Each structure stands twice: as C-alpha cells, then as structure tokens.
C-alpha cells in the first residue's frame, strides 16, 4: 500500500524528536531540582547520609537520557525523500509518548525524592521504601521509552510514498 508524502511529514517527525528531548529534560530538570533541595536539607540534618540520599537526583537525570535516545532514533528515521505522512505522525506520537512519560516520572521523582530524602535524614528505615517509590516512579518514564521504540518500528515499516 502506498503512503502519501507531503512536506509537512518531516516537520511532524522533527517535532516528535524535539518533543521527546524537551519534555524528558523538563522532567529530569524538575526532578533533579526538587530532589536536590531535599538532599541539601539532608546535608544540614545529617551530612553522613548524603551519598545514599542522592539516589533521586541520579534517577531523575536518567529521564533525560530516555528523551535523548528517542530523539536520536527518530532523527535517524527522518528522510528528505520518501518520508510518508504516516511515518511523520507516528514519530510525532512516539516523541510525545517518551517525553510526556518522562515528564510525569520527573514530577513524581522530584516530589517523592524531596520528601523521602528529608525523612531518611531522620529515620534510616525509610531508605528501602524510598528506593521502591523511586523505582516505580522511574518505571513511568521507562514505559514511555518502550512504547516509543515500538512506535518507531511501526513507522520504519511504513510503505513507500504514492507517486504524484
């Protein structure tokens, strides 16, 4: 089956790559900043626990890498000629899936990280619960990465463009 090709197809593909990178980095930045405030507070309360308390900041930074991976893969699939509207729309959706999932994960990691790092400063037993909450929050970004990779495979299998 032949696909339609217009000049806007590449725009949608590029917007998918940009969306993945921008929204994932917004999530990573928020998570890092919010959890970093908790780590700073931990340094005041109990400076010997800082290395274990920095886990949320590291996990938030990983979200930016998810967006980078998706943006690079989508960018590699955009072609000057023969890039169908279908592929552009799917790449746009893939970028939004990865970016928005990472943004949501960053919000969760920031809030959970800030409050649980502060609690960890007062009670050592909260550490395992903090790690579990952070893992489940990070999983949200991972889900978006997986779906965007699957969507990219669908876009790569799009048929040839219709001749005009």
N, C-alpha and C. Protein backbone atom coordinates (compact mmCIF):
# COMPACT_ATOMS: atom_id res chain seq x y z
N UNK A 1 0.85 -1.18 0.00
CA UNK A 1 0.00 0.00 0.00
C UNK A 1 0.89 1.24 0.00
N UNK A 2 0.63 2.15 -0.90
CA UNK A 2 1.45 3.36 -0.98
C UNK A 2 0.93 4.42 -0.01
N UNK A 3 1.84 5.19 0.51
CA UNK A 3 1.53 6.22 1.50
C UNK A 3 1.61 7.59 0.86
N UNK A 4 0.89 8.55 1.42
CA UNK A 4 1.00 9.93 0.97
C UNK A 4 2.24 10.56 1.57
N UNK A 5 2.88 11.41 0.78
CA UNK A 5 4.05 12.13 1.26
C UNK A 5 3.85 13.62 1.00
N UNK A 6 3.93 14.41 2.06
CA UNK A 6 3.88 15.85 1.90
C UNK A 6 5.10 16.43 2.63
N UNK A 7 5.34 17.69 2.39
CA UNK A 7 6.50 18.32 3.02
C UNK A 7 6.33 18.46 4.53
N UNK A 8 5.08 18.39 5.01
CA UNK A 8 4.86 18.52 6.45
C UNK A 8 5.20 17.25 7.22
N UNK A 9 5.39 16.15 6.53
CA UNK A 9 5.69 14.89 7.21
C UNK A 9 6.99 15.00 8.00
N UNK A 10 8.01 15.58 7.39
CA UNK A 10 9.29 15.73 8.09
C UNK A 10 9.16 16.68 9.28
N UNK A 11 8.28 17.67 9.17
CA UNK A 11 8.04 18.57 10.30
C UNK A 11 7.51 17.79 11.50
N UNK A 12 6.54 16.92 11.26
CA UNK A 12 5.97 16.14 12.37
C UNK A 12 7.01 15.19 12.96
N UNK A 13 7.83 14.60 12.12
CA UNK A 13 8.90 13.74 12.63
C UNK A 13 9.88 14.51 13.48
N UNK A 14 10.27 15.69 13.00
CA UNK A 14 11.20 16.52 13.76
C UNK A 14 10.58 17.01 15.07
N UNK A 15 9.30 17.30 15.05
CA UNK A 15 8.62 17.71 16.28
C UNK A 15 8.55 16.55 17.27
N UNK A 16 8.45 15.33 16.77
CA UNK A 16 8.49 14.17 17.65
C UNK A 16 9.83 14.06 18.35
N UNK A 17 10.91 14.24 17.59
CA UNK A 17 12.25 14.19 18.17
C UNK A 17 12.43 15.31 19.19
N UNK A 18 12.00 16.51 18.82
CA UNK A 18 12.13 17.65 19.73
C UNK A 18 11.28 17.46 20.98
N UNK A 19 10.07 16.94 20.82
CA UNK A 19 9.19 16.72 21.97
C UNK A 19 9.78 15.72 22.95
N UNK A 20 10.36 14.66 22.42
CA UNK A 20 10.96 13.66 23.30
C UNK A 20 12.07 14.29 24.13
N UNK A 21 12.92 15.05 23.48
CA UNK A 21 14.07 15.65 24.17
C UNK A 21 13.63 16.74 25.15
N UNK A 22 12.75 17.62 24.72
CA UNK A 22 12.35 18.76 25.55
C UNK A 22 11.57 18.30 26.79
N UNK A 23 10.55 17.48 26.59
CA UNK A 23 9.72 17.09 27.73
C UNK A 23 10.47 16.16 28.69
N UNK A 24 11.31 15.28 28.16
CA UNK A 24 12.10 14.41 29.04
C UNK A 24 13.08 15.23 29.87
N UNK A 25 13.68 16.22 29.25
CA UNK A 25 14.62 17.06 30.00
C UNK A 25 13.91 17.98 30.98
N UNK A 26 12.69 18.39 30.67
CA UNK A 26 11.91 19.15 31.66
C UNK A 26 11.65 18.29 32.90
N UNK A 27 11.28 17.04 32.67
CA UNK A 27 11.06 16.13 33.79
C UNK A 27 12.33 15.89 34.58
N UNK A 28 13.43 15.69 33.86
CA UNK A 28 14.72 15.45 34.53
C UNK A 28 15.15 16.68 35.33
N UNK A 29 14.95 17.85 34.76
CA UNK A 29 15.35 19.07 35.45
C UNK A 29 14.51 19.31 36.71
N UNK A 30 13.21 19.12 36.59
CA UNK A 30 12.34 19.31 37.76
C UNK A 30 12.68 18.30 38.84
N UNK A 31 12.82 17.03 38.46
CA UNK A 31 13.13 16.00 39.43
C UNK A 31 14.46 16.25 40.12
N UNK A 32 15.46 16.67 39.35
CA UNK A 32 16.78 16.95 39.91
C UNK A 32 16.71 18.14 40.87
N UNK A 33 16.03 19.20 40.46
CA UNK A 33 15.96 20.40 41.30
C UNK A 33 15.18 20.13 42.59
N UNK A 34 14.03 19.49 42.45
CA UNK A 34 13.18 19.25 43.63
C UNK A 34 13.87 18.29 44.60
N UNK A 35 14.42 17.20 44.07
CA UNK A 35 15.11 16.24 44.95
C UNK A 35 16.41 16.84 45.49
N UNK A 36 17.05 17.71 44.72
CA UNK A 36 18.27 18.36 45.16
C UNK A 36 18.05 19.23 46.38
N UNK A 37 16.89 19.85 46.46
CA UNK A 37 16.55 20.65 47.65
C UNK A 37 16.50 19.74 48.88
N UNK A 38 15.91 18.56 48.71
CA UNK A 38 15.87 17.61 49.81
C UNK A 38 17.25 17.13 50.22
N UNK A 39 18.13 16.92 49.23
CA UNK A 39 19.49 16.49 49.53
C UNK A 39 20.25 17.59 50.27
N UNK A 40 20.04 18.84 49.88
CA UNK A 40 20.68 19.94 50.59
C UNK A 40 20.21 19.99 52.04
N UNK A 41 18.93 19.76 52.25
CA UNK A 41 18.39 19.73 53.60
C UNK A 41 18.97 18.55 54.38
N UNK A 42 19.14 17.43 53.69
CA UNK A 42 19.76 16.25 54.32
C UNK A 42 21.18 16.56 54.76
N UNK A 43 21.90 17.33 53.96
CA UNK A 43 23.27 17.70 54.31
C UNK A 43 23.34 18.52 55.58
N UNK A 44 22.30 19.29 55.84
CA UNK A 44 22.24 20.08 57.07
C UNK A 44 21.88 19.18 58.25
N UNK A 45 20.92 18.29 58.03
CA UNK A 45 20.45 17.43 59.12
C UNK A 45 21.44 16.33 59.48
N UNK A 46 21.96 15.64 58.46
CA UNK A 46 22.85 14.50 58.70
C UNK A 46 23.76 14.32 57.49
N UNK A 47 24.89 14.98 57.48
CA UNK A 47 25.77 15.00 56.31
C UNK A 47 26.38 13.64 55.96
N UNK A 48 26.35 12.70 56.88
CA UNK A 48 26.94 11.38 56.58
C UNK A 48 26.06 10.55 55.65
N UNK A 49 24.82 10.95 55.43
CA UNK A 49 23.88 10.19 54.60
C UNK A 49 23.74 10.74 53.18
N UNK A 50 24.52 11.72 52.82
CA UNK A 50 24.33 12.39 51.53
C UNK A 50 24.50 11.43 50.35
N UNK A 51 25.50 10.56 50.38
CA UNK A 51 25.75 9.69 49.23
C UNK A 51 24.58 8.74 48.97
N UNK A 52 23.94 8.26 49.99
CA UNK A 52 22.75 7.41 49.80
C UNK A 52 21.53 8.27 49.47
N UNK A 53 21.52 9.48 49.92
CA UNK A 53 20.39 10.37 49.68
C UNK A 53 20.36 10.97 48.29
N UNK A 54 21.43 10.83 47.54
CA UNK A 54 21.50 11.44 46.22
C UNK A 54 20.86 10.56 45.13
N UNK A 55 20.36 9.40 45.51
CA UNK A 55 19.74 8.47 44.56
C UNK A 55 18.63 9.12 43.73
N UNK A 56 17.71 9.91 44.31
CA UNK A 56 16.66 10.51 43.49
C UNK A 56 17.21 11.46 42.41
N UNK A 57 18.28 12.15 42.70
CA UNK A 57 18.87 13.06 41.72
C UNK A 57 19.41 12.28 40.53
N UNK A 58 20.06 11.16 40.81
CA UNK A 58 20.59 10.32 39.74
C UNK A 58 19.46 9.73 38.90
N UNK A 59 18.41 9.26 39.57
CA UNK A 59 17.29 8.67 38.84
C UNK A 59 16.57 9.69 37.99
N UNK A 60 16.49 10.93 38.44
CA UNK A 60 15.87 11.98 37.64
C UNK A 60 16.72 12.27 36.40
N UNK A 61 18.02 12.25 36.54
CA UNK A 61 18.89 12.50 35.40
C UNK A 61 18.78 11.46 34.31
N UNK A 62 18.44 10.25 34.68
CA UNK A 62 18.28 9.17 33.69
C UNK A 62 17.14 9.48 32.73
N UNK A 63 16.14 10.20 33.18
CA UNK A 63 14.99 10.53 32.33
C UNK A 63 15.41 11.33 31.11
N UNK A 64 16.36 12.22 31.27
CA UNK A 64 16.86 12.99 30.13
C UNK A 64 17.51 12.09 29.10
N UNK A 65 18.15 11.02 29.55
CA UNK A 65 18.78 10.08 28.62
C UNK A 65 17.71 9.35 27.80
N UNK A 66 16.57 9.03 28.42
CA UNK A 66 15.48 8.40 27.67
C UNK A 66 15.04 9.29 26.51
N UNK A 67 14.88 10.57 26.78
CA UNK A 67 14.49 11.50 25.72
C UNK A 67 15.54 11.62 24.64
N UNK A 68 16.80 11.62 25.04
CA UNK A 68 17.89 11.69 24.06
C UNK A 68 17.90 10.47 23.16
N UNK A 69 17.72 9.30 23.73
CA UNK A 69 17.70 8.06 22.94
C UNK A 69 16.59 8.11 21.90
N UNK A 70 15.40 8.47 22.33
CA UNK A 70 14.27 8.52 21.40
C UNK A 70 14.47 9.58 20.33
N UNK A 71 14.98 10.74 20.71
CA UNK A 71 15.20 11.81 19.74
C UNK A 71 16.22 11.39 18.68
N UNK A 72 17.27 10.71 19.08
CA UNK A 72 18.28 10.26 18.12
C UNK A 72 17.70 9.20 17.18
N UNK A 73 16.92 8.27 17.72
CA UNK A 73 16.33 7.22 16.88
C UNK A 73 15.34 7.81 15.90
N UNK A 74 14.49 8.72 16.36
CA UNK A 74 13.52 9.36 15.46
C UNK A 74 14.24 10.16 14.38
N UNK A 75 15.26 10.92 14.78
CA UNK A 75 16.00 11.74 13.81
C UNK A 75 16.64 10.87 12.74
N UNK A 76 17.08 9.69 13.12
CA UNK A 76 17.67 8.78 12.14
C UNK A 76 16.66 8.24 11.15
N UNK A 77 15.39 8.25 11.51
CA UNK A 77 14.35 7.74 10.62
C UNK A 77 13.77 8.78 9.68
N UNK A 78 14.08 10.05 9.89
CA UNK A 78 13.55 11.11 9.03
C UNK A 78 14.40 11.18 7.76
N UNK A 79 13.72 11.13 6.62
CA UNK A 79 14.41 11.15 5.34
C UNK A 79 13.95 12.37 4.53
N UNK A 80 14.84 12.87 3.70
CA UNK A 80 14.49 14.02 2.86
C UNK A 80 13.49 13.62 1.79
N UNK A 81 13.62 12.44 1.24
CA UNK A 81 12.72 11.96 0.19
C UNK A 81 12.08 10.65 0.63
N UNK A 82 10.81 10.49 0.31
CA UNK A 82 10.13 9.24 0.59
C UNK A 82 9.68 9.06 2.03
N UNK A 83 9.61 10.13 2.78
CA UNK A 83 9.17 10.07 4.17
C UNK A 83 7.66 10.31 4.19
N UNK A 84 6.91 9.31 4.59
CA UNK A 84 5.45 9.39 4.48
C UNK A 84 4.82 10.17 5.63
N UNK A 85 3.61 10.64 5.38
CA UNK A 85 2.84 11.32 6.42
C UNK A 85 2.63 10.39 7.61
N UNK A 86 2.35 9.13 7.32
CA UNK A 86 2.13 8.15 8.38
C UNK A 86 3.36 8.06 9.29
N UNK A 87 4.54 7.95 8.70
CA UNK A 87 5.77 7.85 9.49
C UNK A 87 5.97 9.12 10.32
N UNK A 88 5.68 10.28 9.74
CA UNK A 88 5.82 11.53 10.48
C UNK A 88 4.90 11.60 11.68
N UNK A 89 3.65 11.18 11.48
CA UNK A 89 2.68 11.21 12.57
C UNK A 89 3.05 10.21 13.66
N UNK A 90 3.51 9.04 13.26
CA UNK A 90 3.89 8.03 14.25
C UNK A 90 5.14 8.49 15.02
N UNK A 91 6.09 9.09 14.32
CA UNK A 91 7.27 9.61 15.01
C UNK A 91 6.89 10.73 15.98
N UNK A 92 5.94 11.55 15.60
CA UNK A 92 5.46 12.61 16.49
C UNK A 92 4.85 11.99 17.75
N UNK A 93 4.01 10.99 17.56
CA UNK A 93 3.40 10.31 18.70
C UNK A 93 4.42 9.62 19.57
N UNK A 94 5.43 9.02 18.95
CA UNK A 94 6.47 8.34 19.71
C UNK A 94 7.25 9.34 20.57
N UNK A 95 7.55 10.49 20.01
CA UNK A 95 8.26 11.51 20.77
C UNK A 95 7.44 12.03 21.93
N UNK A 96 6.15 12.23 21.69
CA UNK A 96 5.27 12.68 22.77
C UNK A 96 5.14 11.62 23.85
N UNK A 97 5.06 10.35 23.46
CA UNK A 97 4.93 9.27 24.44
C UNK A 97 6.14 9.24 25.37
N UNK A 98 7.33 9.28 24.80
CA UNK A 98 8.54 9.23 25.62
C UNK A 98 8.70 10.50 26.43
N UNK A 99 8.46 11.65 25.81
CA UNK A 99 8.65 12.92 26.50
C UNK A 99 7.68 13.14 27.64
N UNK A 100 6.41 12.90 27.39
CA UNK A 100 5.41 13.13 28.43
C UNK A 100 5.52 12.11 29.56
N UNK A 101 5.85 10.86 29.23
CA UNK A 101 6.04 9.86 30.28
C UNK A 101 7.22 10.24 31.17
N UNK A 102 8.29 10.73 30.56
CA UNK A 102 9.45 11.15 31.35
C UNK A 102 9.16 12.41 32.16
N UNK A 103 8.35 13.29 31.62
CA UNK A 103 7.94 14.48 32.38
C UNK A 103 7.16 14.07 33.62
N UNK A 104 6.21 13.15 33.45
CA UNK A 104 5.43 12.67 34.59
C UNK A 104 6.32 11.97 35.61
N UNK A 105 7.25 11.17 35.11
CA UNK A 105 8.17 10.47 36.02
C UNK A 105 9.04 11.47 36.78
N UNK A 106 9.48 12.53 36.11
CA UNK A 106 10.30 13.54 36.76
C UNK A 106 9.55 14.27 37.86
N UNK A 107 8.28 14.54 37.61
CA UNK A 107 7.46 15.18 38.65
C UNK A 107 7.35 14.26 39.87
N UNK A 108 7.09 12.98 39.60
CA UNK A 108 6.95 12.03 40.70
C UNK A 108 8.27 11.85 41.45
N UNK A 109 9.37 11.71 40.73
CA UNK A 109 10.67 11.52 41.37
C UNK A 109 11.05 12.74 42.20
N UNK A 110 10.76 13.93 41.69
CA UNK A 110 11.09 15.14 42.44
C UNK A 110 10.34 15.23 43.75
N UNK A 111 9.05 14.98 43.70
CA UNK A 111 8.23 15.10 44.91
C UNK A 111 8.56 14.00 45.91
N UNK A 112 8.61 12.76 45.40
CA UNK A 112 8.93 11.63 46.29
C UNK A 112 10.36 11.76 46.81
N UNK A 113 11.28 12.15 45.92
CA UNK A 113 12.68 12.27 46.32
C UNK A 113 12.88 13.32 47.40
N UNK A 114 12.27 14.46 47.23
CA UNK A 114 12.42 15.54 48.22
C UNK A 114 11.92 15.10 49.59
N UNK A 115 10.69 14.61 49.63
CA UNK A 115 10.11 14.27 50.93
C UNK A 115 10.76 13.05 51.56
N UNK A 116 11.10 12.05 50.76
CA UNK A 116 11.67 10.84 51.36
C UNK A 116 13.14 11.02 51.76
N UNK A 117 13.87 11.88 51.07
CA UNK A 117 15.25 12.16 51.49
C UNK A 117 15.25 12.90 52.82
N UNK A 118 14.32 13.81 52.98
CA UNK A 118 14.20 14.51 54.27
C UNK A 118 13.84 13.53 55.39
N UNK A 119 12.93 12.60 55.07
CA UNK A 119 12.55 11.60 56.07
C UNK A 119 13.71 10.67 56.38
N UNK A 120 14.49 10.35 55.35
CA UNK A 120 15.66 9.48 55.55
C UNK A 120 16.68 10.13 56.49
N UNK A 121 16.75 11.43 56.48
CA UNK A 121 17.65 12.12 57.40
C UNK A 121 17.28 11.91 58.85
N UNK A 122 16.01 11.63 59.10
CA UNK A 122 15.55 11.43 60.48
C UNK A 122 15.40 9.96 60.85
N UNK A 123 15.18 9.11 59.83
CA UNK A 123 14.91 7.69 60.09
C UNK A 123 15.55 6.83 59.00
N UNK A 124 16.52 5.99 59.37
CA UNK A 124 17.23 5.15 58.41
C UNK A 124 16.33 4.11 57.74
N UNK A 125 15.31 3.67 58.43
CA UNK A 125 14.46 2.58 57.91
C UNK A 125 13.64 2.99 56.69
N UNK A 126 13.56 4.27 56.39
CA UNK A 126 12.77 4.74 55.25
C UNK A 126 13.51 4.53 53.93
N UNK A 127 14.79 4.21 53.98
CA UNK A 127 15.60 4.13 52.76
C UNK A 127 15.05 3.12 51.75
N UNK A 128 14.72 1.92 52.19
CA UNK A 128 14.21 0.89 51.27
C UNK A 128 12.88 1.34 50.66
N UNK A 129 12.02 1.90 51.45
CA UNK A 129 10.74 2.40 50.93
C UNK A 129 10.97 3.52 49.92
N UNK A 130 11.95 4.39 50.19
CA UNK A 130 12.28 5.47 49.26
C UNK A 130 12.72 4.90 47.92
N UNK A 131 13.59 3.92 47.95
CA UNK A 131 14.09 3.31 46.71
C UNK A 131 12.94 2.67 45.93
N UNK A 132 12.05 1.97 46.61
CA UNK A 132 10.91 1.34 45.93
C UNK A 132 10.00 2.38 45.27
N UNK A 133 9.71 3.45 45.99
CA UNK A 133 8.87 4.51 45.41
C UNK A 133 9.55 5.13 44.19
N UNK A 134 10.85 5.34 44.27
CA UNK A 134 11.58 5.93 43.15
C UNK A 134 11.63 4.99 41.95
N UNK A 135 11.75 3.69 42.20
CA UNK A 135 11.77 2.72 41.10
C UNK A 135 10.44 2.75 40.35
N UNK A 136 9.34 2.77 41.10
CA UNK A 136 8.04 2.81 40.44
C UNK A 136 7.82 4.13 39.69
N UNK A 137 8.33 5.21 40.22
CA UNK A 137 8.23 6.49 39.51
C UNK A 137 9.08 6.48 38.24
N UNK A 138 10.28 5.93 38.32
CA UNK A 138 11.17 5.83 37.16
C UNK A 138 10.57 4.94 36.09
N UNK A 139 9.83 3.92 36.51
CA UNK A 139 9.22 2.99 35.56
C UNK A 139 8.27 3.71 34.62
N UNK A 140 7.65 4.79 35.06
CA UNK A 140 6.75 5.55 34.18
C UNK A 140 7.49 6.05 32.95
N UNK A 141 8.68 6.58 33.15
CA UNK A 141 9.49 7.03 32.02
C UNK A 141 9.93 5.88 31.15
N UNK A 142 10.24 4.76 31.76
CA UNK A 142 10.65 3.57 31.00
C UNK A 142 9.52 3.05 30.13
N UNK A 143 8.30 3.11 30.63
CA UNK A 143 7.14 2.69 29.83
C UNK A 143 7.03 3.54 28.57
N UNK A 144 7.20 4.84 28.72
CA UNK A 144 7.15 5.73 27.55
C UNK A 144 8.26 5.43 26.56
N UNK A 145 9.46 5.13 27.07
CA UNK A 145 10.57 4.76 26.20
C UNK A 145 10.25 3.50 25.41
N UNK A 146 9.73 2.49 26.07
CA UNK A 146 9.41 1.23 25.39
C UNK A 146 8.35 1.44 24.32
N UNK A 147 7.29 2.16 24.65
CA UNK A 147 6.23 2.40 23.66
C UNK A 147 6.75 3.21 22.48
N UNK A 148 7.58 4.19 22.74
CA UNK A 148 8.10 5.00 21.64
C UNK A 148 9.01 4.17 20.73
N UNK A 149 9.76 3.24 21.29
CA UNK A 149 10.59 2.36 20.46
C UNK A 149 9.73 1.44 19.60
N UNK A 150 8.64 0.94 20.18
CA UNK A 150 7.72 0.11 19.40
C UNK A 150 7.05 0.93 18.29
N UNK A 151 6.67 2.15 18.62
CA UNK A 151 6.06 3.02 17.60
C UNK A 151 7.06 3.35 16.50
N UNK A 152 8.32 3.53 16.84
CA UNK A 152 9.34 3.81 15.84
C UNK A 152 9.48 2.64 14.87
N UNK A 153 9.37 1.41 15.38
CA UNK A 153 9.41 0.25 14.50
C UNK A 153 8.26 0.25 13.52
N UNK A 154 7.07 0.65 13.97
CA UNK A 154 5.91 0.74 13.09
C UNK A 154 6.15 1.79 12.01
N UNK A 155 6.71 2.93 12.39
CA UNK A 155 6.98 3.99 11.41
C UNK A 155 8.01 3.53 10.39
N UNK A 156 8.98 2.74 10.80
CA UNK A 156 10.00 2.25 9.89
C UNK A 156 9.47 1.27 8.88
N UNK A 157 8.33 0.64 9.17
CA UNK A 157 7.73 -0.33 8.26
C UNK A 157 6.68 0.29 7.35
N UNK A 158 6.56 1.61 7.39
CA UNK A 158 5.57 2.29 6.55
C UNK A 158 5.90 2.07 5.09
N UNK A 159 4.87 1.93 4.29
CA UNK A 159 5.05 1.67 2.87
C UNK A 159 5.66 2.85 2.13
N UNK A 160 5.97 2.61 0.87
CA UNK A 160 6.55 3.66 0.02
C UNK A 160 5.52 4.73 -0.27
N UNK A 161 6.00 5.90 -0.62
CA UNK A 161 5.12 7.03 -0.92
C UNK A 161 4.42 6.84 -2.26
N UNK A 162 3.22 7.40 -2.33
CA UNK A 162 2.48 7.38 -3.60
C UNK A 162 3.12 8.32 -4.57
N UNK A 163 3.25 7.92 -5.79
CA UNK A 163 3.85 8.81 -6.80
C UNK A 163 2.81 9.82 -7.25
N UNK A 164 3.26 11.08 -7.42
CA UNK A 164 2.30 12.13 -7.79
C UNK A 164 2.42 12.51 -9.22
